[in-house]
Amino acid sequence: MNAKTLKALKGSIAKWEDVVAKKTKDEGAKNCPLCQLLYRSNCKGCPVVDSGRGRIFCRNTPHRKWLIYTAPRCVGNSRVFDDRSRRLAQAELDFLKSLLPGPVKCQTVRSKKR
């Protein structure tokens, strides 16, 4: 993941932290740093897609369940309004956090005793 994409991922995580905390609403691609960076390229290079767990436009991610549940109730701007919407927003936040690069794990190489 390049530095620009990592910065956008961290921005998207910050957005979802605010959504969970009821400080902001989800406006889809309008207020998603990852989408602002990669949406027009059909999500090419997006860590959601590159993870193999999501598909373009956040299909097959927790965001879809969030959107299906909240959008009809919030008329275009999804927000946390009950326990279920909070859990769904938290699932999206957790998913995005799981995409952060972690430390590289190295195997210990043992030398053969002679």
Foldseek 3Di string as FASTA:
>chain_A
DDPQLLVLLVQQLVVLVCQLVQNAWPQQLVRRSQCVVQVVVQSVPHLQVVVVQAHGSRHNALVVVLCVPACVVPPRTGGDDDDVNSVSSVRRSVVSVVSNDDDDDDDDDDDDDD
